[in-house]
PDB file of N, CA and C in Angstrom:
ATOM      1  N   MET A   1       0.824  -1.191   0.000  1.00  0.00           N
ATOM      2  CA  MET A   1       0.000   0.000   0.000  1.00  0.00           C
ATOM      3  C   MET A   1       0.869   1.257   0.000  1.00  0.00           C
ATOM      4  N   LEU A   2       1.731   1.406   0.986  1.00  0.00           N
ATOM      5  CA  LEU A   2       2.566   2.597   1.060  1.00  0.00           C
ATOM      6  C   LEU A   2       3.696   2.581   0.047  1.00  0.00           C
ATOM      7  N   SER A   3       4.036   1.422  -0.490  1.00  0.00           N
ATOM      8  CA  SER A   3       5.122   1.357  -1.456  1.00  0.00           C
ATOM      9  C   SER A   3       4.724   1.978  -2.790  1.00  0.00           C
ATOM     10  N   ASN A   4       3.442   2.193  -3.019  1.00  0.00           N
ATOM     11  CA  ASN A   4       2.980   2.774  -4.273  1.00  0.00           C
ATOM     12  C   ASN A   4       2.953   4.298  -4.250  1.00  0.00           C
ATOM     13  N   ILE A   5       3.261   4.920  -3.114  1.00  0.00           N
ATOM     14  CA  ILE A   5       3.182   6.379  -3.012  1.00  0.00           C
ATOM     15  C   ILE A   5       4.291   7.042  -3.812  1.00  0.00           C
ATOM     16  N   GLY A   6       5.511   6.640  -3.597  1.00  0.00           N
ATOM     17  CA  GLY A   6       6.642   7.225  -4.292  1.00  0.00           C
ATOM     18  C   GLY A   6       7.105   8.506  -3.617  1.00  0.00           C
ATOM     19  N   ILE A   7       8.225   9.023  -4.096  1.00  0.00           N
ATOM     20  CA  ILE A   7       8.828  10.221  -3.509  1.00  0.00           C
ATOM     21  C   ILE A   7       7.950  11.462  -3.693  1.00  0.00           C
ATOM     22  N   PRO A   8       7.411  11.722  -4.881  1.00  0.00           N
ATOM     23  CA  PRO A   8       6.569  12.924  -5.028  1.00  0.00           C
ATOM     24  C   PRO A   8       5.329  12.899  -4.131  1.00  0.00           C
ATOM     25  N   GLY A   9       4.729  11.754  -3.988  1.00  0.00           N
ATOM     26  CA  GLY A   9       3.559  11.635  -3.129  1.00  0.00           C
ATOM     27  C   GLY A   9       3.912  11.846  -1.674  1.00  0.00           C
ATOM     28  N   LEU A  10       5.055  11.325  -1.253  1.00  0.00           N
ATOM     29  CA  LEU A  10       5.512  11.501   0.119  1.00  0.00           C
ATOM     30  C   LEU A  10       5.805  12.969   0.405  1.00  0.00           C
ATOM     31  N   ILE A  11       6.437  13.646  -0.529  1.00  0.00           N
ATOM     32  CA  ILE A  11       6.712  15.080  -0.366  1.00  0.00           C
ATOM     33  C   ILE A  11       5.412  15.860  -0.268  1.00  0.00           C
ATOM     34  N   LEU A  12       4.444  15.523  -1.089  1.00  0.00           N
ATOM     35  CA  LEU A  12       3.152  16.201  -1.064  1.00  0.00           C
ATOM     36  C   LEU A  12       2.464  16.007   0.295  1.00  0.00           C
ATOM     37  N   ILE A  13       2.504  14.804   0.821  1.00  0.00           N
ATOM     38  CA  ILE A  13       1.896  14.531   2.124  1.00  0.00           C
ATOM     39  C   ILE A  13       2.592  15.321   3.222  1.00  0.00           C
ATOM     40  N   LEU A  14       3.916  15.374   3.195  1.00  0.00           N
ATOM     41  CA  LEU A  14       4.661  16.127   4.198  1.00  0.00           C
ATOM     42  C   LEU A  14       4.381  17.621   4.120  1.00  0.00           C
ATOM     43  N   VAL A  15       4.277  18.160   2.915  1.00  0.00           N
ATOM     44  CA  VAL A  15       3.966  19.584   2.752  1.00  0.00           C
ATOM     45  C   VAL A  15       2.561  19.881   3.256  1.00  0.00           C
ATOM     46  N   LEU A  16       1.612  19.029   2.947  1.00  0.00           N
ATOM     47  CA  LEU A  16       0.247  19.228   3.428  1.00  0.00           C
ATOM     48  C   LEU A  16       0.182  19.154   4.954  1.00  0.00           C
ATOM     49  N   ALA A  17       0.914  18.216   5.541  1.00  0.00           N
ATOM     50  CA  ALA A  17       0.941  18.110   7.002  1.00  0.00           C
ATOM     51  C   ALA A  17       1.550  19.366   7.606  1.00  0.00           C
ATOM     52  N   LEU A  18       2.584  19.901   6.973  1.00  0.00           N
ATOM     53  CA  LEU A  18       3.214  21.127   7.461  1.00  0.00           C
ATOM     54  C   LEU A  18       2.257  22.304   7.381  1.00  0.00           C
ATOM     55  N   ILE A  19       1.504  22.380   6.317  1.00  0.00           N
ATOM     56  CA  ILE A  19       0.532  23.471   6.150  1.00  0.00           C
ATOM     57  C   ILE A  19      -0.607  23.329   7.160  1.00  0.00           C
ATOM     58  N   ILE A  20      -1.119  22.118   7.327  1.00  0.00           N
ATOM     59  CA  ILE A  20      -2.275  21.908   8.197  1.00  0.00           C
ATOM     60  C   ILE A  20      -1.915  22.075   9.670  1.00  0.00           C
ATOM     61  N   PHE A  21      -0.834  21.446  10.117  1.00  0.00           N
ATOM     62  CA  PHE A  21      -0.515  21.422  11.537  1.00  0.00           C
ATOM     63  C   PHE A  21       0.478  22.495  11.960  1.00  0.00           C
ATOM     64  N   GLY A  22       1.267  22.990  11.043  1.00  0.00           N
ATOM     65  CA  GLY A  22       2.259  24.004  11.380  1.00  0.00           C
ATOM     66  C   GLY A  22       3.553  23.380  11.863  1.00  0.00           C
ATOM     67  N   PRO A  23       4.623  24.155  11.832  1.00  0.00           N
ATOM     68  CA  PRO A  23       5.936  23.603  12.178  1.00  0.00           C
ATOM     69  C   PRO A  23       6.109  23.274  13.659  1.00  0.00           C
ATOM     70  N   LYS A  24       5.332  23.886  14.531  1.00  0.00           N
ATOM     71  CA  LYS A  24       5.486  23.621  15.964  1.00  0.00           C
ATOM     72  C   LYS A  24       4.809  22.323  16.378  1.00  0.00           C
ATOM     73  N   LYS A  25       3.749  21.937  15.700  1.00  0.00           N
ATOM     74  CA  LYS A  25       2.994  20.737  16.074  1.00  0.00           C
ATOM     75  C   LYS A  25       3.573  19.455  15.479  1.00  0.00           C
ATOM     76  N   LEU A  26       4.282  19.545  14.355  1.00  0.00           N
ATOM     77  CA  LEU A  26       4.755  18.338  13.681  1.00  0.00           C
ATOM     78  C   LEU A  26       5.670  17.473  14.554  1.00  0.00           C
ATOM     79  N   PRO A  27       6.638  18.040  15.296  1.00  0.00           N
ATOM     80  CA  PRO A  27       7.453  17.165  16.158  1.00  0.00           C
ATOM     81  C   PRO A  27       6.635  16.456  17.235  1.00  0.00           C
ATOM     82  N   GLU A  28       5.639  17.138  17.777  1.00  0.00           N
ATOM     83  CA  GLU A  28       4.782  16.510  18.783  1.00  0.00           C
ATOM     84  C   GLU A  28       3.982  15.359  18.179  1.00  0.00           C
ATOM     85  N   ILE A  29       3.460  15.579  16.988  1.00  0.00           N
ATOM     86  CA  ILE A  29       2.681  14.537  16.314  1.00  0.00           C
ATOM     87  C   ILE A  29       3.578  13.354  15.969  1.00  0.00           C
ATOM     88  N   GLY A  30       4.781  13.628  15.468  1.00  0.00           N
ATOM     89  CA  GLY A  30       5.724  12.563  15.142  1.00  0.00           C
ATOM     90  C   GLY A  30       6.128  11.769  16.367  1.00  0.00           C
ATOM     91  N   ARG A  31       6.367  12.456  17.467  1.00  0.00           N
ATOM     92  CA  ARG A  31       6.754  11.788  18.705  1.00  0.00           C
ATOM     93  C   ARG A  31       5.618  10.897  19.208  1.00  0.00           C
ATOM     94  N   ALA A  32       4.404  11.408  19.174  1.00  0.00           N
ATOM     95  CA  ALA A  32       3.248  10.628  19.627  1.00  0.00           C
ATOM     96  C   ALA A  32       3.038   9.406  18.734  1.00  0.00           C
ATOM     97  N   PHE A  33       3.208   9.585  17.432  1.00  0.00           N
ATOM     98  CA  PHE A  33       3.055   8.465  16.500  1.00  0.00           C
ATOM     99  C   PHE A  33       4.132   7.411  16.747  1.00  0.00           C
ATOM    100  N   GLY A  34       5.358   7.857  16.983  1.00  0.00           N
ATOM    101  CA  GLY A  34       6.452   6.926  17.254  1.00  0.00           C
ATOM    102  C   GLY A  34       6.234   6.141  18.533  1.00  0.00           C
ATOM    103  N   GLU A  35       5.777   6.819  19.578  1.00  0.00           N
ATOM    104  CA  GLU A  35       5.512   6.127  20.847  1.00  0.00           C
ATOM    105  C   GLU A  35       4.368   5.136  20.696  1.00  0.00           C
ATOM    106  N   THR A  36       3.358   5.504  19.939  1.00  0.00           N
ATOM    107  CA  THR A  36       2.232   4.595  19.699  1.00  0.00           C
ATOM    108  C   THR A  36       2.691   3.365  18.938  1.00  0.00           C
ATOM    109  N   LEU A  37       3.510   3.575  17.920  1.00  0.00           N
ATOM    110  CA  LEU A  37       4.023   2.453  17.135  1.00  0.00           C
ATOM    111  C   LEU A  37       4.915   1.552  17.980  1.00  0.00           C
ATOM    112  N   LYS A  38       5.759   2.144  18.829  1.00  0.00           N
ATOM    113  CA  LYS A  38       6.633   1.369  19.709  1.00  0.00           C
ATOM    114  C   LYS A  38       5.808   0.526  20.684  1.00  0.00           C
ATOM    115  N   GLU A  39       4.768   1.122  21.250  1.00  0.00           N
ATOM    116  CA  GLU A  39       3.912   0.397  22.187  1.00  0.00           C
ATOM    117  C   GLU A  39       3.160  -0.736  21.488  1.00  0.00           C
ATOM    118  N   PHE A  40       2.723  -0.499  20.253  1.00  0.00           N
ATOM    119  CA  PHE A  40       2.032  -1.536  19.481  1.00  0.00           C
ATOM    120  C   PHE A  40       2.968  -2.708  19.203  1.00  0.00           C
ATOM    121  N   LYS A  41       4.202  -2.413  18.814  1.00  0.00           N
ATOM    122  CA  LYS A  41       5.166  -3.480  18.546  1.00  0.00           C
ATOM    123  C   LYS A  41       5.455  -4.278  19.811  1.00  0.00           C
ATOM    124  N   LYS A  42       5.586  -3.584  20.936  1.00  0.00           N
ATOM    125  CA  LYS A  42       5.856  -4.256  22.205  1.00  0.00           C
ATOM    126  C   LYS A  42       4.695  -5.168  22.580  1.00  0.00           C
ATOM    127  N   SER A  43       3.478  -4.685  22.419  1.00  0.00           N
ATOM    128  CA  SER A  43       2.301  -5.495  22.739  1.00  0.00           C
ATOM    129  C   SER A  43       2.217  -6.721  21.845  1.00  0.00           C
ATOM    130  N   THR A  44       2.501  -6.531  20.565  1.00  0.00           N
ATOM    131  CA  THR A  44       2.470  -7.642  19.622  1.00  0.00           C
ATOM    132  C   THR A  44       3.523  -8.676  19.987  1.00  0.00           C
ATOM    133  N   ARG A  45       4.718  -8.214  20.326  1.00  0.00           N
ATOM    134  CA  ARG A  45       5.797  -9.122  20.717  1.00  0.00           C
ATOM    135  C   ARG A  45       5.421  -9.894  21.982  1.00  0.00           C
ATOM    136  N   ASP A  46       4.833  -9.195  22.958  1.00  0.00           N
ATOM    137  CA  ASP A  46       4.419  -9.854  24.195  1.00  0.00           C
ATOM    138  C   ASP A  46       3.351 -10.910  23.931  1.00  0.00           C
ATOM    139  N   LEU A  47       2.420 -10.613  23.049  1.00  0.00           N
ATOM    140  CA  LEU A  47       1.368 -11.585  22.737  1.00  0.00           C
ATOM    141  C   LEU A  47       1.936 -12.824  22.053  1.00  0.00           C
ATOM    142  N   THR A  48       2.876 -12.623  21.130  1.00  0.00           N
ATOM    143  CA  THR A  48       3.446 -13.787  20.451  1.00  0.00           C
ATOM    144  C   THR A  48       4.306 -14.599  21.399  1.00  0.00           C
ATOM    145  N   GLU A  49       5.014 -13.952  22.333  1.00  0.00           N
ATOM    146  CA  GLU A  49       5.809 -14.690  23.319  1.00  0.00           C
ATOM    147  C   GLU A  49       4.907 -15.482  24.257  1.00  0.00           C
ATOM    148  N   ASP A  50       3.794 -14.893  24.668  1.00  0.00           N
ATOM    149  CA  ASP A  50       2.849 -15.608  25.532  1.00  0.00           C
ATOM    150  C   ASP A  50       2.267 -16.814  24.811  1.00  0.00           C
ATOM    151  N   ASP A  51       1.987 -16.649  23.523  1.00  0.00           N
ATOM    152  CA  ASP A  51       1.434 -17.744  22.736  1.00  0.00           C
ATOM    153  C   ASP A  51       2.461 -18.876  22.603  1.00  0.00           C
ATOM    154  N   ASP A  52       3.727 -18.513  22.405  1.00  0.00           N
ATOM    155  CA  ASP A  52       4.778 -19.524  22.285  1.00  0.00           C
ATOM    156  C   ASP A  52       4.981 -20.270  23.603  1.00  0.00           C
ATOM    157  N   LYS A  53       4.832 -19.585  24.726  1.00  0.00           N
ATOM    158  CA  LYS A  53       5.024 -20.228  26.023  1.00  0.00           C
ATOM    159  C   LYS A  53       3.909 -21.224  26.324  1.00  0.00           C
ATOM    160  N   ARG A  54       2.722 -20.990  25.808  1.00  0.00           N
ATOM    161  CA  ARG A  54       1.589 -21.885  26.067  1.00  0.00           C
ATOM    162  C   ARG A  54       1.716 -23.194  25.313  1.00  0.00           C
ATOM    163  N   LYS A  55       2.462 -23.196  24.232  1.00  0.00           N
ATOM    164  CA  LYS A  55       2.560 -24.405  23.412  1.00  0.00           C
ATOM    165  C   LYS A  55       3.486 -25.397  24.000  1.00  0.00           C
TER     166      LYS A  55
END
């Protein structure tokens, strides 16, 4: 899905995000997204480890 965007599409998305949210909000949004992704990966890893231990 995301592999079909390409460089021009990615630049367009970043410019639109900069226009919509402004330069002060983008680091906060990026940080929140990164923490959410990290927590999701940790939860997924914990679930797969629990599943492996039950077998």
